[in-house]
PDB file of N, CA and C in Angstrom:
ATOM      1  N   MET A   1      28.387   5.697  17.970  1.00  0.00           N
ATOM      2  CA  MET A   1      27.217   5.791  17.323  1.00  0.00           C
ATOM      3  C   MET A   1      26.209   5.001  18.256  1.00  0.00           C
ATOM      4  N   SER A   2      24.964   5.439  18.340  1.00  0.00           N
ATOM      5  CA  SER A   2      23.918   4.898  19.108  1.00  0.00           C
ATOM      6  C   SER A   2      23.365   3.661  18.513  1.00  0.00           C
ATOM      7  N   ARG A   3      22.758   2.972  19.291  1.00  0.00           N
ATOM      8  CA  ARG A   3      22.343   1.634  18.834  1.00  0.00           C
ATOM      9  C   ARG A   3      20.979   1.793  17.673  1.00  0.00           C
ATOM     10  N   THR A   4      20.192   3.008  17.838  1.00  0.00           N
ATOM     11  CA  THR A   4      19.082   3.289  16.988  1.00  0.00           C
ATOM     12  C   THR A   4      19.610   4.318  15.858  1.00  0.00           C
ATOM     13  N   ALA A   5      20.864   4.455  15.719  1.00  0.00           N
ATOM     14  CA  ALA A   5      21.297   5.376  14.630  1.00  0.00           C
ATOM     15  C   ALA A   5      20.796   4.975  13.387  1.00  0.00           C
ATOM     16  N   TYR A   6      20.858   3.719  12.983  1.00  0.00           N
ATOM     17  CA  TYR A   6      20.393   3.276  11.822  1.00  0.00           C
ATOM     18  C   TYR A   6      18.906   3.463  11.500  1.00  0.00           C
ATOM     19  N   ARG A   7      18.040   3.843  12.457  1.00  0.00           N
ATOM     20  CA  ARG A   7      16.724   4.061  12.029  1.00  0.00           C
ATOM     21  C   ARG A   7      16.670   5.471  11.443  1.00  0.00           C
ATOM     22  N   ASN A   8      17.517   6.263  11.280  1.00  0.00           N
ATOM     23  CA  ASN A   8      17.513   7.406  10.457  1.00  0.00           C
ATOM     24  C   ASN A   8      17.839   7.343   8.993  1.00  0.00           C
ATOM     25  N   HIS A   9      18.357   6.005   8.627  1.00  0.00           N
ATOM     26  CA  HIS A   9      18.675   5.697   7.322  1.00  0.00           C
ATOM     27  C   HIS A   9      17.395   5.654   6.477  1.00  0.00           C
ATOM     28  N   PRO A  10      17.245   6.217   5.212  1.00  0.00           N
ATOM     29  CA  PRO A  10      16.093   5.890   4.289  1.00  0.00           C
ATOM     30  C   PRO A  10      15.741   4.158   4.063  1.00  0.00           C
ATOM     31  N   THR A  11      16.869   3.555   4.142  1.00  0.00           N
ATOM     32  CA  THR A  11      16.532   2.111   3.758  1.00  0.00           C
ATOM     33  C   THR A  11      15.862   1.473   4.836  1.00  0.00           C
ATOM     34  N   TRP A  12      16.101   1.808   6.140  1.00  0.00           N
ATOM     35  CA  TRP A  12      15.533   1.412   7.309  1.00  0.00           C
ATOM     36  C   TRP A  12      13.852   1.715   7.278  1.00  0.00           C
ATOM     37  N   TRP A  13      13.674   3.253   6.780  1.00  0.00           N
ATOM     38  CA  TRP A  13      12.238   3.404   6.759  1.00  0.00           C
ATOM     39  C   TRP A  13      11.553   2.555   5.630  1.00  0.00           C
ATOM     40  N   ALA A  14      12.329   2.475   4.538  1.00  0.00           N
ATOM     41  CA  ALA A  14      11.674   1.665   3.465  1.00  0.00           C
ATOM     42  C   ALA A  14      11.347   0.235   3.986  1.00  0.00           C
ATOM     43  N   PHE A  15      12.161  -0.342   4.785  1.00  0.00           N
ATOM     44  CA  PHE A  15      11.971  -1.727   5.342  1.00  0.00           C
ATOM     45  C   PHE A  15      10.816  -1.621   6.260  1.00  0.00           C
ATOM     46  N   ALA A  16      10.629  -0.699   7.136  1.00  0.00           N
ATOM     47  CA  ALA A  16       9.472  -0.395   8.105  1.00  0.00           C
ATOM     48  C   ALA A  16       8.189  -0.309   7.301  1.00  0.00           C
ATOM     49  N   ILE A  17       8.308   0.530   6.442  1.00  0.00           N
ATOM     50  CA  ILE A  17       7.205   0.703   5.667  1.00  0.00           C
ATOM     51  C   ILE A  17       6.624  -0.511   4.896  1.00  0.00           C
ATOM     52  N   HIS A  18       7.451  -1.348   4.431  1.00  0.00           N
ATOM     53  CA  HIS A  18       7.082  -2.622   3.434  1.00  0.00           C
ATOM     54  C   HIS A  18       6.550  -3.333   4.596  1.00  0.00           C
ATOM     55  N   ARG A  19       6.906  -3.498   5.656  1.00  0.00           N
ATOM     56  CA  ARG A  19       6.478  -4.455   6.609  1.00  0.00           C
ATOM     57  C   ARG A  19       5.059  -4.153   7.177  1.00  0.00           C
ATOM     58  N   VAL A  20       5.160  -2.781   7.620  1.00  0.00           N
ATOM     59  CA  VAL A  20       3.671  -2.247   8.032  1.00  0.00           C
ATOM     60  C   VAL A  20       2.625  -2.456   6.964  1.00  0.00           C
ATOM     61  N   SER A  21       3.072  -1.977   5.798  1.00  0.00           N
ATOM     62  CA  SER A  21       2.132  -2.181   4.689  1.00  0.00           C
ATOM     63  C   SER A  21       1.601  -3.530   4.493  1.00  0.00           C
ATOM     64  N   GLY A  22       2.478  -4.458   4.604  1.00  0.00           N
ATOM     65  CA  GLY A  22       2.213  -5.965   4.502  1.00  0.00           C
ATOM     66  C   GLY A  22       1.184  -6.350   5.642  1.00  0.00           C
ATOM     67  N   VAL A  23       1.544  -6.051   6.922  1.00  0.00           N
ATOM     68  CA  VAL A  23       0.541  -6.308   7.931  1.00  0.00           C
ATOM     69  C   VAL A  23      -0.764  -5.546   7.629  1.00  0.00           C
ATOM     70  N   ALA A  24      -0.774  -4.153   7.222  1.00  0.00           N
ATOM     71  CA  ALA A  24      -1.997  -3.550   7.001  1.00  0.00           C
ATOM     72  C   ALA A  24      -2.855  -4.229   6.020  1.00  0.00           C
ATOM     73  N   LEU A  25      -2.309  -4.808   4.835  1.00  0.00           N
ATOM     74  CA  LEU A  25      -2.911  -5.328   3.767  1.00  0.00           C
ATOM     75  C   LEU A  25      -3.654  -6.868   4.305  1.00  0.00           C
ATOM     76  N   ALA A  26      -2.803  -7.495   5.150  1.00  0.00           N
ATOM     77  CA  ALA A  26      -3.185  -8.710   5.593  1.00  0.00           C
ATOM     78  C   ALA A  26      -4.329  -8.436   6.612  1.00  0.00           C
ATOM     79  N   ALA A  27      -4.409  -7.346   7.294  1.00  0.00           N
ATOM     80  CA  ALA A  27      -5.640  -7.230   8.128  1.00  0.00           C
ATOM     81  C   ALA A  27      -6.843  -6.804   7.221  1.00  0.00           C
ATOM     82  N   PHE A  28      -6.617  -6.257   6.157  1.00  0.00           N
ATOM     83  CA  PHE A  28      -7.737  -5.847   5.438  1.00  0.00           C
ATOM     84  C   PHE A  28      -8.301  -7.206   4.622  1.00  0.00           C
ATOM     85  N   LEU A  29      -7.643  -8.219   4.531  1.00  0.00           N
ATOM     86  CA  LEU A  29      -8.104  -9.261   3.790  1.00  0.00           C
ATOM     87  C   LEU A  29      -9.557  -9.965   4.154  1.00  0.00           C
ATOM     88  N   PRO A  30      -9.587 -10.037   5.630  1.00  0.00           N
ATOM     89  CA  PRO A  30     -11.058 -10.419   5.931  1.00  0.00           C
ATOM     90  C   PRO A  30     -12.152  -9.585   5.566  1.00  0.00           C
ATOM     91  N   ALA A  31     -12.102  -8.284   5.496  1.00  0.00           N
ATOM     92  CA  ALA A  31     -13.095  -7.543   5.046  1.00  0.00           C
ATOM     93  C   ALA A  31     -13.239  -7.718   3.467  1.00  0.00           C
ATOM     94  N   HIS A  32     -12.150  -7.837   2.940  1.00  0.00           N
ATOM     95  CA  HIS A  32     -12.335  -8.040   1.444  1.00  0.00           C
ATOM     96  C   HIS A  32     -13.012  -9.365   1.100  1.00  0.00           C
ATOM     97  N   PHE A  33     -12.825 -10.466   1.900  1.00  0.00           N
ATOM     98  CA  PHE A  33     -13.195 -11.784   1.646  1.00  0.00           C
ATOM     99  C   PHE A  33     -14.830 -11.625   2.114  1.00  0.00           C
ATOM    100  N   TRP A  34     -15.241 -10.929   3.153  1.00  0.00           N
ATOM    101  CA  TRP A  34     -16.609 -10.749   3.540  1.00  0.00           C
ATOM    102  C   TRP A  34     -17.261 -10.140   2.448  1.00  0.00           C
ATOM    103  N   ALA A  35     -16.666  -9.150   1.624  1.00  0.00           N
ATOM    104  CA  ALA A  35     -17.316  -8.348   0.788  1.00  0.00           C
ATOM    105  C   ALA A  35     -17.457  -9.101  -0.551  1.00  0.00           C
ATOM    106  N   LEU A  36     -16.465 -10.039  -0.754  1.00  0.00           N
ATOM    107  CA  LEU A  36     -16.817 -11.090  -1.804  1.00  0.00           C
ATOM    108  C   LEU A  36     -17.855 -12.120  -1.465  1.00  0.00           C
ATOM    109  N   GLY A  37     -17.933 -12.455  -0.162  1.00  0.00           N
ATOM    110  CA  GLY A  37     -18.999 -13.357   0.329  1.00  0.00           C
ATOM    111  C   GLY A  37     -20.321 -12.654  -0.059  1.00  0.00           C
ATOM    112  N   LEU A  38     -20.593 -11.501   0.341  1.00  0.00           N
ATOM    113  CA  LEU A  38     -21.804 -10.747   0.049  1.00  0.00           C
ATOM    114  C   LEU A  38     -22.097 -10.881  -1.335  1.00  0.00           C
ATOM    115  N   ALA A  39     -21.214 -10.723  -2.239  1.00  0.00           N
ATOM    116  CA  ALA A  39     -21.436 -10.611  -3.792  1.00  0.00           C
ATOM    117  C   ALA A  39     -22.039 -12.103  -4.160  1.00  0.00           C
ATOM    118  N   LEU A  40     -21.530 -12.977  -3.478  1.00  0.00           N
ATOM    119  CA  LEU A  40     -21.815 -14.475  -3.695  1.00  0.00           C
ATOM    120  C   LEU A  40     -23.508 -14.741  -3.068  1.00  0.00           C
ATOM    121  N   GLU A  41     -23.649 -14.115  -1.906  1.00  0.00           N
ATOM    122  CA  GLU A  41     -24.728 -14.193  -1.167  1.00  0.00           C
ATOM    123  C   GLU A  41     -26.021 -13.798  -1.882  1.00  0.00           C
ATOM    124  N   SER A  42     -26.117 -12.522  -2.163  1.00  0.00           N
ATOM    125  CA  SER A  42     -27.173 -11.756  -2.752  1.00  0.00           C
ATOM    126  C   SER A  42     -26.765 -10.580  -3.489  1.00  0.00           C
ATOM    127  N   GLU A  43     -27.385 -10.173  -4.443  1.00  0.00           N
ATOM    128  CA  GLU A  43     -26.942  -9.013  -5.229  1.00  0.00           C
ATOM    129  C   GLU A  43     -27.370  -8.054  -4.477  1.00  0.00           C
ATOM    130  N   ALA A  44     -28.571  -7.937  -3.787  1.00  0.00           N
ATOM    131  CA  ALA A  44     -29.064  -6.825  -2.943  1.00  0.00           C
ATOM    132  C   ALA A  44     -28.146  -6.451  -1.888  1.00  0.00           C
ATOM    133  N   ALA A  45     -27.464  -7.345  -1.127  1.00  0.00           N
ATOM    134  CA  ALA A  45     -26.651  -7.037  -0.176  1.00  0.00           C
ATOM    135  C   ALA A  45     -25.396  -6.423  -0.760  1.00  0.00           C
ATOM    136  N   PHE A  46     -24.835  -6.986  -1.824  1.00  0.00           N
ATOM    137  CA  PHE A  46     -23.827  -6.377  -2.538  1.00  0.00           C
ATOM    138  C   PHE A  46     -23.979  -5.133  -2.868  1.00  0.00           C
ATOM    139  N   ASP A  47     -24.987  -4.788  -3.598  1.00  0.00           N
ATOM    140  CA  ASP A  47     -25.368  -3.365  -4.001  1.00  0.00           C
ATOM    141  C   ASP A  47     -25.546  -2.524  -2.746  1.00  0.00           C
ATOM    142  N   GLY A  48     -25.988  -2.870  -1.720  1.00  0.00           N
ATOM    143  CA  GLY A  48     -25.937  -1.973  -0.479  1.00  0.00           C
ATOM    144  C   GLY A  48     -24.536  -1.790   0.011  1.00  0.00           C
ATOM    145  N   LEU A  49     -23.640  -2.600  -0.042  1.00  0.00           N
ATOM    146  CA  LEU A  49     -22.173  -2.534   0.177  1.00  0.00           C
ATOM    147  C   LEU A  49     -21.633  -1.405  -0.737  1.00  0.00           C
ATOM    148  N   LEU A  50     -21.837  -1.646  -1.817  1.00  0.00           N
ATOM    149  CA  LEU A  50     -21.343  -0.694  -2.982  1.00  0.00           C
ATOM    150  C   LEU A  50     -21.960   0.823  -2.740  1.00  0.00           C
ATOM    151  N   ARG A  51     -23.059   0.798  -2.440  1.00  0.00           N
ATOM    152  CA  ARG A  51     -23.699   2.187  -2.002  1.00  0.00           C
ATOM    153  C   ARG A  51     -23.065   2.753  -0.832  1.00  0.00           C
ATOM    154  N   TRP A  52     -22.681   1.928   0.150  1.00  0.00           N
ATOM    155  CA  TRP A  52     -22.095   2.428   1.420  1.00  0.00           C
ATOM    156  C   TRP A  52     -20.745   2.983   1.059  1.00  0.00           C
ATOM    157  N   THR A  53     -20.031   2.092   0.228  1.00  0.00           N
ATOM    158  CA  THR A  53     -18.490   2.697  -0.215  1.00  0.00           C
ATOM    159  C   THR A  53     -18.498   3.772  -1.065  1.00  0.00           C
ATOM    160  N   ALA A  54     -19.587   4.238  -1.615  1.00  0.00           N
ATOM    161  CA  ALA A  54     -19.384   5.548  -2.344  1.00  0.00           C
ATOM    162  C   ALA A  54     -19.328   6.824  -1.557  1.00  0.00           C
ATOM    163  N   HIS A  55     -19.286   6.551  -0.234  1.00  0.00           N
ATOM    164  CA  HIS A  55     -19.341   7.632   0.686  1.00  0.00           C
ATOM    165  C   HIS A  55     -17.804   8.441   0.581  1.00  0.00           C
ATOM    166  N   PRO A  56     -17.663   9.653   0.717  1.00  0.00           N
ATOM    167  CA  PRO A  56     -16.449  10.400   0.491  1.00  0.00           C
ATOM    168  C   PRO A  56     -15.324   9.870   1.345  1.00  0.00           C
ATOM    169  N   VAL A  57     -15.557   9.624   2.661  1.00  0.00           N
ATOM    170  CA  VAL A  57     -14.635   9.210   3.711  1.00  0.00           C
ATOM    171  C   VAL A  57     -14.155   7.862   3.252  1.00  0.00           C
ATOM    172  N   LEU A  58     -14.934   7.083   2.657  1.00  0.00           N
ATOM    173  CA  LEU A  58     -14.486   5.716   2.364  1.00  0.00           C
ATOM    174  C   LEU A  58     -13.697   5.840   1.092  1.00  0.00           C
ATOM    175  N   LYS A  59     -13.867   6.802   0.320  1.00  0.00           N
ATOM    176  CA  LYS A  59     -12.941   7.005  -0.902  1.00  0.00           C
ATOM    177  C   LYS A  59     -11.546   7.302  -0.308  1.00  0.00           C
ATOM    178  N   LEU A  60     -11.591   8.040   0.707  1.00  0.00           N
ATOM    179  CA  LEU A  60     -10.099   8.241   1.242  1.00  0.00           C
ATOM    180  C   LEU A  60      -9.558   7.212   1.852  1.00  0.00           C
ATOM    181  N   VAL A  61     -10.304   6.367   2.420  1.00  0.00           N
ATOM    182  CA  VAL A  61      -9.798   5.015   2.947  1.00  0.00           C
ATOM    183  C   VAL A  61      -9.265   4.095   1.881  1.00  0.00           C
ATOM    184  N   GLU A  62     -10.108   3.997   0.716  1.00  0.00           N
ATOM    185  CA  GLU A  62      -9.799   3.401  -0.339  1.00  0.00           C
ATOM    186  C   GLU A  62      -8.398   3.855  -1.064  1.00  0.00           C
ATOM    187  N   THR A  63      -8.096   5.106  -0.941  1.00  0.00           N
ATOM    188  CA  THR A  63      -7.011   5.800  -1.356  1.00  0.00           C
ATOM    189  C   THR A  63      -5.719   5.257  -0.675  1.00  0.00           C
ATOM    190  N   GLY A  64      -6.025   5.237   0.703  1.00  0.00           N
ATOM    191  CA  GLY A  64      -5.011   4.657   1.605  1.00  0.00           C
ATOM    192  C   GLY A  64      -4.537   3.294   1.296  1.00  0.00           C
ATOM    193  N   LEU A  65      -5.801   2.563   1.068  1.00  0.00           N
ATOM    194  CA  LEU A  65      -5.272   1.059   0.719  1.00  0.00           C
ATOM    195  C   LEU A  65      -4.646   1.021  -0.533  1.00  0.00           C
ATOM    196  N   VAL A  66      -4.878   1.825  -1.504  1.00  0.00           N
ATOM    197  CA  VAL A  66      -4.046   1.699  -2.729  1.00  0.00           C
ATOM    198  C   VAL A  66      -2.776   2.095  -2.559  1.00  0.00           C
ATOM    199  N   VAL A  67      -2.299   3.210  -1.610  1.00  0.00           N
ATOM    200  CA  VAL A  67      -1.158   3.614  -1.467  1.00  0.00           C
ATOM    201  C   VAL A  67      -0.418   2.665  -0.790  1.00  0.00           C
ATOM    202  N   LEU A  68      -0.971   1.955   0.311  1.00  0.00           N
ATOM    203  CA  LEU A  68      -0.399   0.683   1.034  1.00  0.00           C
ATOM    204  C   LEU A  68       0.078  -0.531   0.051  1.00  0.00           C
ATOM    205  N   LEU A  69      -0.876  -0.578  -0.770  1.00  0.00           N
ATOM    206  CA  LEU A  69      -0.656  -1.754  -1.838  1.00  0.00           C
ATOM    207  C   LEU A  69       0.546  -1.212  -2.841  1.00  0.00           C
ATOM    208  N   ALA A  70       0.527  -0.089  -3.206  1.00  0.00           N
ATOM    209  CA  ALA A  70       1.650   0.294  -4.098  1.00  0.00           C
ATOM    210  C   ALA A  70       3.033   0.432  -3.313  1.00  0.00           C
ATOM    211  N   ALA A  71       2.882   0.887  -1.967  1.00  0.00           N
ATOM    212  CA  ALA A  71       3.956   0.907  -1.244  1.00  0.00           C
ATOM    213  C   ALA A  71       4.596  -0.635  -1.040  1.00  0.00           C
ATOM    214  N   HIS A  72       3.792  -1.406  -0.727  1.00  0.00           N
ATOM    215  CA  HIS A  72       4.144  -2.948  -0.611  1.00  0.00           C
ATOM    216  C   HIS A  72       4.986  -3.379  -1.764  1.00  0.00           C
ATOM    217  N   LEU A  73       4.086  -3.108  -3.012  1.00  0.00           N
ATOM    218  CA  LEU A  73       4.723  -3.636  -4.349  1.00  0.00           C
ATOM    219  C   LEU A  73       5.941  -3.084  -4.737  1.00  0.00           C
ATOM    220  N   ALA A  74       6.138  -1.668  -4.386  1.00  0.00           N
ATOM    221  CA  ALA A  74       7.414  -0.888  -4.624  1.00  0.00           C
ATOM    222  C   ALA A  74       8.431  -1.480  -3.533  1.00  0.00           C
ATOM    223  N   GLY A  75       8.228  -1.675  -2.468  1.00  0.00           N
ATOM    224  CA  GLY A  75       9.128  -2.271  -1.414  1.00  0.00           C
ATOM    225  C   GLY A  75       9.467  -3.547  -1.643  1.00  0.00           C
ATOM    226  N   GLY A  76       8.736  -4.410  -2.250  1.00  0.00           N
ATOM    227  CA  GLY A  76       8.931  -5.846  -2.706  1.00  0.00           C
ATOM    228  C   GLY A  76       9.948  -5.795  -3.810  1.00  0.00           C
ATOM    229  N   LEU A  77       9.734  -4.942  -4.875  1.00  0.00           N
ATOM    230  CA  LEU A  77      10.654  -4.843  -5.920  1.00  0.00           C
ATOM    231  C   LEU A  77      11.845  -4.351  -5.542  1.00  0.00           C
ATOM    232  N   ARG A  78      12.016  -3.394  -4.783  1.00  0.00           N
ATOM    233  CA  ARG A  78      13.265  -3.004  -3.974  1.00  0.00           C
ATOM    234  C   ARG A  78      14.178  -4.076  -3.451  1.00  0.00           C
ATOM    235  N   VAL A  79      13.521  -4.849  -2.589  1.00  0.00           N
ATOM    236  CA  VAL A  79      13.934  -5.876  -1.869  1.00  0.00           C
ATOM    237  C   VAL A  79      14.485  -7.130  -2.977  1.00  0.00           C
ATOM    238  N   MET A  80      13.846  -7.282  -3.955  1.00  0.00           N
ATOM    239  CA  MET A  80      14.185  -8.151  -4.874  1.00  0.00           C
ATOM    240  C   MET A  80      15.482  -7.748  -5.746  1.00  0.00           C
ATOM    241  N   THR A  81      15.534  -6.342  -6.007  1.00  0.00           N
ATOM    242  CA  THR A  81      16.712  -5.729  -6.580  1.00  0.00           C
ATOM    243  C   THR A  81      17.851  -5.980  -5.837  1.00  0.00           C
ATOM    244  N   ILE A  82      17.814  -5.956  -4.204  1.00  0.00           N
ATOM    245  CA  ILE A  82      18.658  -6.080  -3.376  1.00  0.00           C
ATOM    246  C   ILE A  82      19.397  -7.483  -3.376  1.00  0.00           C
ATOM    247  N   GLU A  83      18.346  -8.301  -3.532  1.00  0.00           N
ATOM    248  CA  GLU A  83      18.611  -9.739  -3.849  1.00  0.00           C
ATOM    249  C   GLU A  83      19.385 -10.178  -4.775  1.00  0.00           C
ATOM    250  N   PHE A  84      18.943  -9.794  -6.054  1.00  0.00           N
ATOM    251  CA  PHE A  84      19.589 -10.067  -7.217  1.00  0.00           C
ATOM    252  C   PHE A  84      20.678  -9.328  -7.807  1.00  0.00           C
ATOM    253  N   PHE A  85      20.805  -8.168  -7.242  1.00  0.00           N
ATOM    254  CA  PHE A  85      21.952  -7.382  -7.817  1.00  0.00           C
ATOM    255  C   PHE A  85      22.882  -6.889  -6.511  1.00  0.00           C
ATOM    256  N   ALA A  86      23.960  -6.333  -6.903  1.00  0.00           N
ATOM    257  CA  ALA A  86      25.124  -5.957  -5.817  1.00  0.00           C
ATOM    258  C   ALA A  86      24.552  -4.571  -5.301  1.00  0.00           C
ATOM    259  N   TRP A  87      24.855  -4.656  -3.975  1.00  0.00           N
ATOM    260  CA  TRP A  87      24.681  -3.357  -3.158  1.00  0.00           C
ATOM    261  C   TRP A  87      25.194  -2.252  -3.845  1.00  0.00           C
ATOM    262  N   ASN A  88      24.525  -1.169  -3.975  1.00  0.00           N
ATOM    263  CA  ASN A  88      25.382   0.086  -4.292  1.00  0.00           C
ATOM    264  C   ASN A  88      24.712   1.362  -3.738  1.00  0.00           C
ATOM    265  N   ALA A  89      25.396   2.368  -4.004  1.00  0.00           N
ATOM    266  CA  ALA A  89      25.051   3.695  -3.086  1.00  0.00           C
ATOM    267  C   ALA A  89      23.825   4.373  -3.668  1.00  0.00           C
ATOM    268  N   GLY A  90      23.152   3.790  -4.583  1.00  0.00           N
ATOM    269  CA  GLY A  90      22.006   4.305  -5.220  1.00  0.00           C
ATOM    270  C   GLY A  90      20.722   3.719  -4.630  1.00  0.00           C
ATOM    271  N   GLN A  91      21.023   3.082  -3.348  1.00  0.00           N
ATOM    272  CA  GLN A  91      19.766   2.467  -2.882  1.00  0.00           C
ATOM    273  C   GLN A  91      18.739   3.661  -2.229  1.00  0.00           C
ATOM    274  N   LYS A  92      19.466   4.569  -1.770  1.00  0.00           N
ATOM    275  CA  LYS A  92      18.553   5.837  -1.449  1.00  0.00           C
ATOM    276  C   LYS A  92      17.672   6.294  -2.530  1.00  0.00           C
ATOM    277  N   ASN A  93      18.070   6.130  -3.649  1.00  0.00           N
ATOM    278  CA  ASN A  93      17.376   6.673  -4.912  1.00  0.00           C
ATOM    279  C   ASN A  93      16.231   5.627  -5.135  1.00  0.00           C
ATOM    280  N   ALA A  94      16.614   4.340  -4.978  1.00  0.00           N
ATOM    281  CA  ALA A  94      15.332   3.264  -5.121  1.00  0.00           C
ATOM    282  C   ALA A  94      14.201   3.508  -4.048  1.00  0.00           C
ATOM    283  N   VAL A  95      14.639   3.917  -2.764  1.00  0.00           N
ATOM    284  CA  VAL A  95      13.763   4.085  -1.831  1.00  0.00           C
ATOM    285  C   VAL A  95      12.843   5.274  -2.257  1.00  0.00           C
ATOM    286  N   ALA A  96      13.441   6.440  -2.623  1.00  0.00           N
ATOM    287  CA  ALA A  96      12.792   7.628  -3.299  1.00  0.00           C
ATOM    288  C   ALA A  96      11.778   7.271  -4.398  1.00  0.00           C
ATOM    289  N   LEU A  97      12.198   6.381  -5.190  1.00  0.00           N
ATOM    290  CA  LEU A  97      11.525   6.094  -6.361  1.00  0.00           C
ATOM    291  C   LEU A  97      10.227   5.165  -5.753  1.00  0.00           C
ATOM    292  N   SER A  98      10.562   4.324  -4.953  1.00  0.00           N
ATOM    293  CA  SER A  98       9.538   3.483  -4.422  1.00  0.00           C
ATOM    294  C   SER A  98       8.310   4.406  -3.793  1.00  0.00           C
ATOM    295  N   ALA A  99       8.797   5.482  -2.941  1.00  0.00           N
ATOM    296  CA  ALA A  99       7.790   6.362  -2.396  1.00  0.00           C
ATOM    297  C   ALA A  99       7.293   7.079  -3.342  1.00  0.00           C
ATOM    298  N   PHE A 100       7.817   7.497  -4.406  1.00  0.00           N
ATOM    299  CA  PHE A 100       7.116   8.272  -5.185  1.00  0.00           C
ATOM    300  C   PHE A 100       6.014   7.584  -5.834  1.00  0.00           C
ATOM    301  N   PHE A 101       6.339   6.022  -6.408  1.00  0.00           N
ATOM    302  CA  PHE A 101       5.505   5.442  -7.150  1.00  0.00           C
ATOM    303  C   PHE A 101       4.381   4.974  -6.306  1.00  0.00           C
ATOM    304  N   ALA A 102       4.542   4.774  -4.843  1.00  0.00           N
ATOM    305  CA  ALA A 102       3.166   4.492  -4.091  1.00  0.00           C
ATOM    306  C   ALA A 102       2.256   5.927  -3.879  1.00  0.00           C
ATOM    307  N   LEU A 103       2.765   6.937  -3.805  1.00  0.00           N
ATOM    308  CA  LEU A 103       2.108   8.219  -3.672  1.00  0.00           C
ATOM    309  C   LEU A 103       1.386   8.554  -5.077  1.00  0.00           C
ATOM    310  N   ALA A 104       2.113   8.482  -6.127  1.00  0.00           N
ATOM    311  CA  ALA A 104       1.567   8.671  -7.280  1.00  0.00           C
ATOM    312  C   ALA A 104       0.449   7.708  -7.539  1.00  0.00           C
ATOM    313  N   ALA A 105       0.556   6.350  -7.324  1.00  0.00           N
ATOM    314  CA  ALA A 105      -0.764   5.585  -7.452  1.00  0.00           C
ATOM    315  C   ALA A 105      -1.732   5.889  -6.626  1.00  0.00           C
ATOM    316  N   GLY A 106      -1.719   6.349  -5.449  1.00  0.00           N
ATOM    317  CA  GLY A 106      -2.689   6.761  -4.679  1.00  0.00           C
ATOM    318  C   GLY A 106      -3.273   8.150  -5.097  1.00  0.00           C
ATOM    319  N   LEU A 107      -2.436   9.007  -5.556  1.00  0.00           N
ATOM    320  CA  LEU A 107      -3.148  10.316  -6.083  1.00  0.00           C
ATOM    321  C   LEU A 107      -3.937  10.026  -7.463  1.00  0.00           C
ATOM    322  N   LEU A 108      -3.481   8.910  -8.117  1.00  0.00           N
ATOM    323  CA  LEU A 108      -4.163   8.773  -9.428  1.00  0.00           C
ATOM    324  C   LEU A 108      -5.394   8.078  -9.122  1.00  0.00           C
ATOM    325  N   PHE A 109      -5.472   7.190  -8.058  1.00  0.00           N
ATOM    326  CA  PHE A 109      -6.585   6.594  -7.690  1.00  0.00           C
ATOM    327  C   PHE A 109      -7.556   7.677  -7.140  1.00  0.00           C
ATOM    328  N   LEU A 110      -7.273   8.469  -6.193  1.00  0.00           N
ATOM    329  CA  LEU A 110      -8.147   9.512  -5.702  1.00  0.00           C
ATOM    330  C   LEU A 110      -8.573  10.391  -6.850  1.00  0.00           C
ATOM    331  N   LEU A 111      -7.779  10.847  -7.778  1.00  0.00           N
ATOM    332  CA  LEU A 111      -8.313  11.508  -8.817  1.00  0.00           C
ATOM    333  C   LEU A 111      -9.314  10.812  -9.771  1.00  0.00           C
ATOM    334  N   ASN A 112      -9.149   9.729  -9.737  1.00  0.00           N
ATOM    335  CA  ASN A 112     -10.125   8.801 -10.599  1.00  0.00           C
ATOM    336  C   ASN A 112     -11.482   8.903  -9.626  1.00  0.00           C
ATOM    337  N   ALA A 113     -11.216   8.541  -8.550  1.00  0.00           N
ATOM    338  CA  ALA A 113     -12.398   8.285  -7.530  1.00  0.00           C
ATOM    339  C   ALA A 113     -13.310   9.516  -7.659  1.00  0.00           C
ATOM    340  N   VAL A 114     -12.697  10.714  -7.513  1.00  0.00           N
ATOM    341  CA  VAL A 114     -13.346  11.890  -7.349  1.00  0.00           C
ATOM    342  C   VAL A 114     -14.044  12.217  -8.639  1.00  0.00           C
ATOM    343  N   ALA A 115     -13.393  11.861  -9.813  1.00  0.00           N
ATOM    344  CA  ALA A 115     -13.937  12.379 -11.062  1.00  0.00           C
ATOM    345  C   ALA A 115     -15.274  11.654 -11.435  1.00  0.00           C
TER     346      ALA A 115
END
């Protein structure tokens, strides 16, 4: 068995997605705090930002952000179940459920944003 064979296992991919989504969300935080600062600074500046975020491309970026958030949440819940319960063969099912939850949350957000 090669040293990287474990990377083909679904739980390794769940681990990787959980870490990458956490880093991406942390990278987004300064922009979020900047937007909140605009809201405190002036109403006109914040309204300008809101008009800018109505662009369709930014709706797709927001959808990606929601998917990252849902993936990180689902991955965290999966890790908590591993910590508090015994390991079982159903871990692959938990990974699939986490992925479904993240994609469903993004799709629901996108459908709401387009409507």
